[in-house]
């Protein structure tokens, strides 16, 4: 009966024996922690302006396009193509990039519009890898100014 060999129990996720990882309380972000609309590139005209006249830098996982703005705020927009990945994977990648921007880059960046386009390797990249790439961009832009 069975498979004829033993299979180790899952260590993480909903199938884990203790199910500790699958039961997490949802945290509510305070307004100060969230990324409000004024700090996002949402209008098509703004996105086209950045694509048309922005400076570009490619990393292994991301393409970064930025230009100065007159709003006095650092704003960010995301382009996350499907690349044959599920909506869950795309949303996870968006959340990771937004969190890195919100906690690490936004407050130390001058007024600019940044458009982040995910490249196919970004889906397999760890949070730390994505963070390193964005921080490296931030430091390079700072030294160029």
Protein backbone atom coordinates (compact mmCIF):
# COMPACT_ATOMS: atom_id res chain seq x y z
CA UNK A 1 0.00 0.00 0.00
CA UNK A 2 1.12 3.54 -0.58
CA UNK A 3 4.03 4.77 -2.61
CA UNK A 4 6.60 2.34 -1.24
CA UNK A 5 8.79 5.07 0.16
CA UNK A 6 8.42 7.67 2.85
CA UNK A 7 7.79 11.31 2.01
CA UNK A 8 8.82 14.06 4.39
CA UNK A 9 6.06 16.33 5.63
CA UNK A 10 5.91 19.82 4.20
CA UNK A 11 7.83 22.36 6.26
CA UNK A 12 5.99 25.46 5.06
CA UNK A 13 2.68 26.43 3.55
CA UNK A 14 -0.84 25.12 4.06
CA UNK A 15 0.29 21.47 4.01
CA UNK A 16 2.71 21.86 6.92
CA UNK A 17 2.13 19.62 9.91
CA UNK A 18 1.79 22.40 12.46
CA UNK A 19 -0.01 24.77 10.03
CA UNK A 20 1.70 27.67 11.80
CA UNK A 21 2.62 29.30 8.48
CA UNK A 22 -0.87 29.17 7.03
CA UNK A 23 -2.55 31.08 9.85
CA UNK A 24 -1.30 34.64 9.78
CA UNK A 25 -3.18 37.64 11.03
CA UNK A 26 -3.77 40.33 8.44
CA UNK A 27 -2.05 43.57 9.36
CA UNK A 28 -3.67 46.85 8.51
CA UNK A 29 -1.31 49.52 7.23
CA UNK A 30 -1.68 52.93 8.74
CA UNK A 31 -2.03 55.82 6.28
CA UNK A 32 1.60 56.73 6.94
CA UNK A 33 2.72 53.22 5.94
CA UNK A 34 0.62 52.83 2.81
CA UNK A 35 1.57 54.09 -0.64
CA UNK A 36 -1.10 56.68 -1.36
CA UNK A 37 -2.24 57.77 -4.81
CA UNK A 38 -0.17 60.96 -4.88
CA UNK A 39 3.01 58.86 -4.72
CA UNK A 40 2.06 56.55 -7.60
CA UNK A 41 2.25 57.04 -11.34
CA UNK A 42 -1.31 56.33 -12.37
CA UNK A 43 -2.18 58.58 -15.29
CA UNK A 44 -1.45 57.24 -18.75
CA UNK A 45 -0.02 60.59 -19.82
CA UNK A 46 2.53 60.50 -16.97
CA UNK A 47 3.55 56.94 -17.82
CA UNK A 48 3.96 57.80 -21.52
CA UNK A 49 6.03 60.88 -20.60
CA UNK A 50 8.41 58.75 -18.52
CA UNK A 51 8.65 56.08 -21.24
CA UNK A 52 9.31 58.71 -23.92
CA UNK A 53 11.81 60.97 -22.19
CA UNK A 54 13.18 59.03 -19.21
CA UNK A 55 16.64 57.66 -18.55
CA UNK A 56 16.89 53.87 -18.58
CA UNK A 57 18.83 51.29 -16.67
CA UNK A 58 18.51 47.53 -16.97
CA UNK A 59 19.36 45.06 -14.26
CA UNK A 60 19.04 41.28 -14.29
CA UNK A 61 15.42 41.42 -13.08
CA UNK A 62 14.19 44.95 -13.70
CA UNK A 63 14.16 47.74 -16.23
CA UNK A 64 14.13 51.12 -14.48
CA UNK A 65 13.01 54.25 -16.33
CA UNK A 66 13.04 57.59 -14.53
CA UNK A 67 12.76 61.30 -15.10
CA UNK A 68 12.53 64.41 -12.93
CA UNK A 69 9.13 65.80 -12.05
CA UNK A 70 7.71 69.08 -10.78
CA UNK A 71 5.37 67.63 -8.14
CA UNK A 72 8.03 67.65 -5.44
CA UNK A 73 7.32 63.97 -4.68
CA UNK A 74 9.04 60.74 -5.62
CA UNK A 75 6.43 58.73 -7.55
CA UNK A 76 6.56 55.13 -8.76
CA UNK A 77 4.67 53.11 -11.34
CA UNK A 78 4.84 49.40 -12.11
CA UNK A 79 4.64 47.43 -15.33
CA UNK A 80 4.47 43.71 -14.62
CA UNK A 81 3.91 41.75 -17.86
CA UNK A 82 2.36 38.29 -17.74
CA UNK A 83 5.29 36.29 -19.18
CA UNK A 84 3.06 33.18 -18.81
CA UNK A 85 2.83 33.57 -15.02
CA UNK A 86 -0.32 33.44 -12.94
CA UNK A 87 -2.09 36.44 -11.46
CA UNK A 88 -0.91 35.28 -8.03
CA UNK A 89 2.75 35.46 -9.13
CA UNK A 90 2.26 38.88 -10.76
CA UNK A 91 0.55 40.30 -7.68
CA UNK A 92 3.27 38.89 -5.40
CA UNK A 93 5.92 40.59 -7.53
CA UNK A 94 3.97 43.88 -7.46
CA UNK A 95 3.62 43.73 -3.67
CA UNK A 96 7.34 43.06 -3.23
CA UNK A 97 8.37 45.96 -5.46
CA UNK A 98 5.87 48.33 -3.83
CA UNK A 99 7.10 47.39 -0.36
CA UNK A 100 10.75 47.95 -1.28
CA UNK A 101 9.88 51.32 -2.80
CA UNK A 102 7.78 52.36 0.20
CA UNK A 103 10.24 51.34 2.92
CA UNK A 104 13.67 51.81 1.34
CA UNK A 105 13.66 54.13 -1.65
CA UNK A 106 10.80 56.64 -1.58
CA UNK A 107 11.84 58.68 1.46
CA UNK A 108 15.46 59.03 0.40
CA UNK A 109 14.74 59.85 -3.24
CA UNK A 110 14.37 63.35 -4.64
CA UNK A 111 11.41 64.37 -6.78
CA UNK A 112 11.36 61.97 -9.71
CA UNK A 113 9.00 59.64 -11.53
CA UNK A 114 10.21 56.04 -11.63
CA UNK A 115 8.66 53.37 -13.80
CA UNK A 116 9.68 49.81 -12.95
CA UNK A 117 9.18 47.19 -15.65
CA UNK A 118 9.65 43.62 -14.46
CA UNK A 119 11.72 41.32 -16.65
CA UNK A 120 11.13 37.53 -16.76
CA UNK A 121 13.82 36.67 -14.14
CA UNK A 122 12.05 38.93 -11.60
CA UNK A 123 9.43 36.24 -11.01
CA UNK A 124 12.06 33.85 -9.62
CA UNK A 125 14.08 36.53 -7.80
CA UNK A 126 14.04 36.70 -4.03
CA UNK A 127 12.93 39.76 -2.11
CA UNK A 128 16.57 40.43 -1.19
CA UNK A 129 17.67 40.34 -4.84
CA UNK A 130 14.95 42.79 -5.90
CA UNK A 131 15.83 45.04 -2.96
CA UNK A 132 19.54 45.03 -3.90
CA UNK A 133 18.74 46.01 -7.49
CA UNK A 134 16.49 48.91 -6.45
CA UNK A 135 18.93 50.16 -3.81
CA UNK A 136 21.79 49.98 -6.31
CA UNK A 137 19.72 52.11 -8.72
CA UNK A 138 18.91 54.59 -5.93
CA UNK A 139 22.56 54.97 -4.98
CA UNK A 140 23.64 55.37 -8.62
CA UNK A 141 21.05 58.11 -9.22
CA UNK A 142 22.08 59.90 -6.03
CA UNK A 143 25.75 60.01 -7.01
CA UNK A 144 24.89 61.21 -10.53
CA UNK A 145 22.96 64.23 -9.22
